[in-house]
Amino acid sequence: MKIFLLIYNPAAGDSYFKYRLDSLVEHMQKQQCLLIPIRTGRKEDTLALLNSTRQYELDGILISGGDGTIHEIVNAMFELGIDLPIGIIPSGTSNDLASFLRLEKDVEACAALFTNGFTRVIDVGTVNDRYFLNVASAGLLTGVAHTADRTMKNTLGKVAYYLKGIEELPRFRAINMCIRADDITITSEVMLFLVMNGGTVGSFDRIAPQARIDDGKLDLLIVHRCSLPELARILISLLSGAHINHKAVQYLQASHISIESDELVESDLDGELGPALPLTITALSKRLRVFSPNRPIHYKKITGLIK
């Protein structure tokens, strides 16, 4: 019999997963798999909770929550040296990593995925002494995940993020930064930057058209200083992917990235508050096993031009 640890965030998204927990247990038991459920609490307790389960011979760690919950658990796993595949049950307000990996929310489909045992090995990014799976960012809109009101997030979902972002626009300004990406150096006034491991951010699935989560590279998107009307056009063009053709947008790939600023600038890692600049960011190739559908991820060709 296979044994899985299940770590679930009861407050994630609409807080509804706890009502589906019994259904997941039922489907896993039908496949001769045993679940050991653990409810997340305070972030500072995660390490101790995970460490307390090392006595079990586990076949994987299942995580129910959003990008922030996955970020928290995987960082604890790496700190403890735990090398097990993870299974993701998307149930948060933001499920960008799960969306990029084409993972379903239905618990029966999740159970079938975990019990079939197919895994793929994906890259992981490091920022200073921390890890991220999907995106590291700073600047406009990047801190809304941890500043938006929790009640609003649970009620409105991602709309709460967008409303918070709109609130920030009138008082936002560009910040002087020096960005080094492999052998390229960029000194500019920056509105925002995204360093992506996956290609879906904020539910926009065409932000990084060349993104592959297992190519040993990170995708860097920089929005340089521009007027608010231009910025609005760029944000709207995220839907189609045409943003990368805008004159204020720079897009490239690199394995090693450093970002500095003379100002105090906080970063965001997978929707969680990250370290302040300067940042040293590196792609760790094929670092984590993830239960994943045995089918390729297809990318649509991006067309359109904005100026």
Protein backbone atom coordinates (compact mmCIF):
# COMPACT_ATOMS: atom_id res chain seq x y z
CA MET A 1 0.00 0.00 0.00
CA LYS A 2 1.26 3.45 -0.94
CA ILE A 3 1.30 6.12 1.77
CA PHE A 4 0.94 9.83 1.02
CA LEU A 5 1.19 12.82 3.29
CA LEU A 6 -1.58 15.34 2.56
CA ILE A 7 -0.94 18.93 3.64
CA TYR A 8 -3.94 21.17 3.11
CA ASN A 9 -4.57 24.85 3.73
CA PRO A 10 -8.12 25.18 5.13
CA ALA A 11 -8.20 28.92 4.37
CA ALA A 12 -7.03 28.67 0.74
CA GLY A 13 -9.26 30.12 -1.97
CA ASP A 14 -12.93 29.75 -1.10
CA SER A 15 -12.02 27.54 1.90
CA TYR A 16 -14.06 24.72 0.37
CA PHE A 17 -11.42 21.97 0.09
CA LYS A 18 -12.08 20.72 3.63
CA TYR A 19 -15.56 19.70 2.46
CA ARG A 20 -14.00 17.64 -0.37
CA LEU A 21 -11.42 15.97 1.84
CA ASP A 22 -13.53 12.89 2.52
CA SER A 23 -14.08 12.40 -1.19
CA LEU A 24 -10.33 12.49 -1.81
CA VAL A 25 -9.73 9.95 0.97
CA GLU A 26 -12.38 7.68 -0.55
CA HIS A 27 -10.89 7.77 -4.04
CA MET A 28 -7.36 7.21 -2.76
CA GLN A 29 -8.44 4.24 -0.61
CA LYS A 30 -10.13 2.65 -3.61
CA GLN A 31 -6.67 2.62 -5.20
CA GLN A 32 -5.11 1.04 -2.10
CA CYS A 33 -3.47 4.29 -0.99
CA LEU A 34 -3.38 5.67 2.54
CA LEU A 35 -3.53 9.40 3.29
CA ILE A 36 -2.03 11.08 6.36
CA PRO A 37 -3.71 14.52 6.49
CA ILE A 38 -2.10 17.55 8.11
CA ARG A 39 -3.81 20.92 8.39
CA THR A 40 -1.56 23.95 7.89
CA GLY A 41 -1.56 26.63 10.55
CA ARG A 42 1.02 29.31 11.15
CA LYS A 43 3.78 29.48 8.56
CA GLU A 44 6.44 29.23 11.24
CA ASP A 45 5.05 25.80 12.24
CA THR A 46 5.34 24.25 8.77
CA LEU A 47 8.92 23.09 9.18
CA ALA A 48 8.20 21.32 12.48
CA LEU A 49 5.01 19.70 11.13
CA LEU A 50 6.79 18.35 8.08
CA ASN A 51 9.75 17.17 10.12
CA SER A 52 7.43 15.24 12.46
CA THR A 53 6.27 13.04 9.56
CA ARG A 54 9.74 11.79 8.56
CA GLN A 55 9.14 8.58 10.51
CA TYR A 56 6.78 7.39 7.76
CA GLU A 57 7.90 5.71 4.54
CA LEU A 58 6.08 8.08 2.21
CA ASP A 59 5.52 7.75 -1.52
CA GLY A 60 4.79 11.44 -2.00
CA ILE A 61 3.57 14.69 -0.46
CA LEU A 62 0.21 16.02 -1.63
CA ILE A 63 -0.48 19.75 -1.27
CA SER A 64 -3.91 21.35 -1.34
CA GLY A 65 -3.76 25.11 -1.61
CA GLY A 66 -2.60 27.88 -3.90
CA ASP A 67 0.81 29.00 -5.09
CA GLY A 68 1.70 30.41 -1.67
CA THR A 69 0.98 27.11 0.10
CA ILE A 70 3.05 25.15 -2.44
CA HIS A 71 5.88 27.67 -2.04
CA GLU A 72 5.83 27.28 1.73
CA ILE A 73 5.82 23.46 1.71
CA VAL A 74 8.50 23.06 -0.97
CA ASN A 75 10.83 25.48 0.82
CA ALA A 76 10.40 23.42 3.99
CA MET A 77 11.05 20.19 2.07
CA PHE A 78 14.32 21.53 0.65
CA GLU A 79 15.44 22.85 4.02
CA LEU A 80 14.87 19.39 5.54
CA GLY A 81 16.44 17.57 2.60
CA ILE A 82 13.20 15.72 1.76
CA ASP A 83 13.30 14.31 -1.77
CA LEU A 84 9.79 13.15 -2.58
CA PRO A 85 7.44 13.88 -5.49
CA ILE A 86 4.71 16.40 -4.77
CA GLY A 87 1.12 16.25 -5.93
CA ILE A 88 -0.84 19.48 -6.30
CA ILE A 89 -4.57 19.86 -5.64
CA PRO A 90 -5.33 23.40 -6.90
CA SER A 91 -7.56 25.08 -4.33
CA GLY A 92 -6.12 28.54 -3.77
CA THR A 93 -7.04 32.00 -4.97
CA SER A 94 -4.05 31.79 -7.30
CA ASN A 95 -3.15 28.46 -8.91
CA ASP A 96 -0.73 29.62 -11.59
CA LEU A 97 1.73 26.73 -11.29
CA ALA A 98 -1.08 24.17 -11.45
CA SER A 99 -2.58 25.95 -14.46
CA PHE A 100 0.73 25.89 -16.30
CA LEU A 101 1.12 22.16 -15.57
CA ARG A 102 -2.48 21.56 -16.76
CA LEU A 103 -3.58 20.11 -13.42
CA GLU A 104 -7.28 19.59 -12.69
CA LYS A 105 -9.14 20.70 -9.55
CA ASP A 106 -11.50 17.72 -9.39
CA VAL A 107 -10.47 15.49 -6.47
CA GLU A 108 -11.27 12.26 -8.33
CA ALA A 109 -9.03 13.33 -11.21
CA CYS A 110 -6.32 14.32 -8.72
CA ALA A 111 -6.53 10.94 -6.98
CA ALA A 112 -6.19 9.12 -10.31
CA LEU A 113 -3.15 11.23 -11.14
CA PHE A 114 -1.41 10.52 -7.83
CA THR A 115 -2.15 6.79 -7.81
CA ASN A 116 -1.02 6.28 -11.41
CA GLY A 117 2.39 7.47 -10.32
CA PHE A 118 3.49 9.42 -13.38
CA THR A 119 5.88 12.24 -12.47
CA ARG A 120 7.86 14.81 -14.39
CA VAL A 121 10.95 16.60 -13.13
CA ILE A 122 10.78 20.39 -13.15
CA ASP A 123 13.19 23.23 -12.53
CA VAL A 124 13.16 25.34 -9.38
CA GLY A 125 14.39 28.91 -8.98
CA THR A 126 16.45 30.23 -6.09
CA VAL A 127 16.37 33.80 -4.79
CA ASN A 128 19.17 34.47 -2.32
CA ASP A 129 18.53 31.67 0.24
CA ARG A 130 14.94 30.84 -0.78
CA TYR A 131 13.26 28.84 -3.53
CA PHE A 132 10.41 29.64 -5.88
CA LEU A 133 8.51 27.45 -8.30
CA ASN A 134 6.66 29.90 -10.50
CA VAL A 135 7.65 33.57 -10.30
CA ALA A 136 9.87 36.08 -8.53
CA SER A 137 8.94 39.71 -9.07
CA ALA A 138 9.03 43.31 -7.88
CA GLY A 139 7.41 46.56 -8.86
CA LEU A 140 3.89 47.41 -9.95
CA LEU A 141 1.16 44.85 -9.11
CA THR A 142 3.62 42.29 -7.75
CA GLY A 143 2.77 42.70 -4.06
CA VAL A 144 -1.01 42.57 -4.30
CA ALA A 145 -1.21 38.89 -3.34
CA HIS A 146 -0.07 39.59 0.21
CA THR A 147 -1.64 43.04 0.61
CA ALA A 148 -5.17 42.28 -0.62
CA ASP A 149 -7.70 41.74 2.17
CA ARG A 150 -8.23 38.02 2.91
CA THR A 151 -12.01 38.37 3.16
CA MET A 152 -12.06 40.11 -0.21
CA LYS A 153 -9.84 37.38 -1.71
CA ASN A 154 -12.13 34.63 -0.42
CA THR A 155 -15.19 36.45 -1.74
CA LEU A 156 -13.95 37.80 -5.07
CA GLY A 157 -11.05 35.48 -5.87
CA LYS A 158 -8.51 36.92 -8.33
CA VAL A 159 -10.70 39.98 -8.89
CA ALA A 160 -9.48 41.16 -5.47
CA TYR A 161 -5.91 41.21 -6.80
CA TYR A 162 -6.86 43.25 -9.84
CA LEU A 163 -8.83 45.76 -7.76
CA LYS A 164 -5.87 46.17 -5.42
CA GLY A 165 -3.56 46.65 -8.41
CA ILE A 166 -5.76 49.38 -9.88
CA GLU A 167 -5.70 51.12 -6.50
CA GLU A 168 -1.87 51.27 -6.69
CA LEU A 169 -1.62 52.77 -10.19
CA PRO A 170 -1.95 56.52 -9.47
CA ARG A 171 0.92 56.59 -6.95
CA PHE A 172 3.28 54.16 -8.65
CA ARG A 173 6.58 55.26 -10.20
CA ALA A 174 9.49 53.63 -12.00
CA ILE A 175 12.55 52.56 -9.98
CA ASN A 176 16.20 52.67 -11.05
CA MET A 177 17.55 49.12 -11.31
CA CYS A 178 20.60 47.31 -12.62
CA ILE A 179 19.72 43.88 -13.98
CA ARG A 180 22.29 41.33 -15.13
CA ALA A 181 21.01 38.30 -17.03
CA ASP A 182 23.85 35.90 -17.90
CA ASP A 183 26.14 38.14 -20.02
CA ILE A 184 23.61 40.97 -20.55
CA THR A 185 23.54 44.10 -18.35
CA ILE A 186 20.48 46.35 -18.29
CA THR A 187 20.39 49.68 -16.41
CA SER A 188 16.97 51.28 -16.56
CA GLU A 189 14.02 52.85 -14.81
CA VAL A 190 11.79 49.82 -14.28
CA MET A 191 8.05 49.68 -13.69
CA LEU A 192 8.12 45.98 -12.90
CA PHE A 193 10.04 42.80 -13.57
CA LEU A 194 8.96 39.17 -13.56
CA VAL A 195 11.40 36.26 -13.36
CA MET A 196 9.39 33.21 -14.34
CA ASN A 197 9.98 29.50 -14.10
CA GLY A 198 6.52 28.71 -15.46
CA GLY A 199 4.61 30.71 -18.05
CA THR A 200 1.42 31.60 -16.18
CA VAL A 201 1.26 34.60 -13.84
CA GLY A 202 -1.93 36.11 -12.43
CA SER A 203 -3.94 33.70 -14.61
CA PHE A 204 -2.35 35.22 -17.73
CA ASP A 205 -1.01 32.23 -19.64
CA ARG A 206 0.85 34.05 -22.43
CA ILE A 207 3.18 36.25 -20.41
CA ALA A 208 6.31 34.20 -21.23
CA PRO A 209 5.82 32.64 -24.68
CA GLN A 210 9.04 30.59 -24.59
CA ALA A 211 8.68 29.37 -21.01
CA ARG A 212 9.43 25.74 -20.31
CA ILE A 213 9.51 24.53 -16.74
CA ASP A 214 12.25 21.97 -17.39
CA ASP A 215 14.73 23.78 -19.69
CA GLY A 216 17.18 25.00 -17.05
CA LYS A 217 16.33 28.63 -17.84
CA LEU A 218 14.30 31.44 -16.33
CA ASP A 219 12.19 33.86 -18.35
CA LEU A 220 12.77 37.54 -17.57
CA LEU A 221 10.16 40.14 -18.46
CA ILE A 222 10.94 43.81 -17.80
CA VAL A 223 8.53 46.70 -18.23
CA HIS A 224 10.60 49.85 -18.57
CA ARG A 225 9.38 53.34 -17.68
CA CYS A 226 6.34 54.39 -19.69
CA SER A 227 3.26 56.57 -19.36
CA LEU A 228 0.16 55.31 -17.55
CA PRO A 229 -1.82 55.06 -20.84
CA GLU A 230 1.00 52.99 -22.34
CA LEU A 231 1.14 50.83 -19.22
CA ALA A 232 -2.61 50.24 -19.43
CA ARG A 233 -2.20 49.08 -23.04
CA ILE A 234 0.57 46.71 -22.01
CA LEU A 235 -1.55 45.21 -19.22
CA ILE A 236 -4.51 44.72 -21.58
CA SER A 237 -2.24 43.11 -24.18
CA LEU A 238 -1.24 40.44 -21.63
CA LEU A 239 -4.43 38.62 -22.62
CA SER A 240 -3.21 38.05 -26.17
CA GLY A 241 0.52 37.84 -25.54
CA ALA A 242 1.21 40.87 -27.73
CA HIS A 243 2.84 42.71 -24.80
CA ILE A 244 6.29 41.37 -25.67
CA ASN A 245 6.26 43.47 -28.85
CA HIS A 246 5.77 46.77 -27.00
CA LYS A 247 8.75 49.13 -27.08
CA ALA A 248 8.74 49.42 -23.26
CA VAL A 249 8.84 45.64 -22.73
CA GLN A 250 11.97 43.50 -22.78
CA TYR A 251 11.82 39.71 -22.73
CA LEU A 252 14.73 37.27 -22.56
CA GLN A 253 15.87 33.99 -21.03
CA ALA A 254 18.79 33.37 -18.69
CA SER A 255 20.05 30.87 -16.13
CA HIS A 256 21.54 33.43 -13.72
CA ILE A 257 20.04 36.84 -12.95
CA SER A 258 21.02 39.54 -10.46
CA ILE A 259 18.95 42.63 -9.71
CA GLU A 260 20.09 45.67 -7.73
CA SER A 261 18.67 49.07 -6.80
CA ASP A 262 19.74 51.97 -4.63
CA GLU A 263 16.21 52.09 -3.24
CA LEU A 264 14.48 49.75 -0.82
CA VAL A 265 12.47 47.39 -3.03
CA GLU A 266 10.75 44.29 -1.69
CA SER A 267 10.25 41.24 -3.88
CA ASP A 268 7.44 38.74 -4.18
CA LEU A 269 7.99 34.98 -4.48
CA ASP A 270 5.03 32.90 -5.66
CA GLY A 271 2.64 35.40 -4.09
CA GLU A 272 4.52 35.51 -0.79
CA LEU A 273 6.66 38.36 0.52
CA GLY A 274 10.26 37.81 -0.57
CA PRO A 275 13.60 39.42 0.31
CA ALA A 276 14.44 43.03 -0.52
CA LEU A 277 16.80 43.80 -3.38
CA PRO A 278 19.56 42.98 -4.21
CA LEU A 279 18.54 39.58 -5.52
CA THR A 280 20.64 36.74 -6.87
CA ILE A 281 18.41 34.43 -8.88
CA THR A 282 19.43 31.06 -10.31
CA ALA A 283 17.65 28.26 -12.16
CA LEU A 284 18.18 24.82 -10.62
CA SER A 285 17.67 22.37 -13.45
CA LYS A 286 15.35 19.39 -12.87
CA ARG A 287 15.23 19.80 -9.11
CA LEU A 288 11.70 18.67 -8.12
CA ARG A 289 9.44 15.75 -9.05
CA VAL A 290 5.78 16.58 -9.58
CA PHE A 291 2.83 14.29 -10.30
CA SER A 292 1.73 15.42 -13.72
CA PRO A 293 -0.48 14.29 -16.64
CA ASN A 294 1.42 12.19 -19.15
CA ARG A 295 0.84 14.58 -21.98
CA PRO A 296 2.85 17.43 -23.48
CA ILE A 297 2.12 21.08 -22.84
CA HIS A 298 1.35 22.91 -26.08
CA TYR A 299 1.88 26.59 -26.62
CA LYS A 300 -0.05 28.75 -29.04
CA LYS A 301 1.84 30.95 -31.42
CA ILE A 302 1.65 34.59 -30.35
CA THR A 303 0.58 37.14 -32.93
CA GLY A 304 -0.20 40.82 -32.84
CA LEU A 305 1.81 43.97 -32.44
CA ILE A 306 1.40 46.94 -30.14
CA LYS A 307 3.57 50.02 -30.11
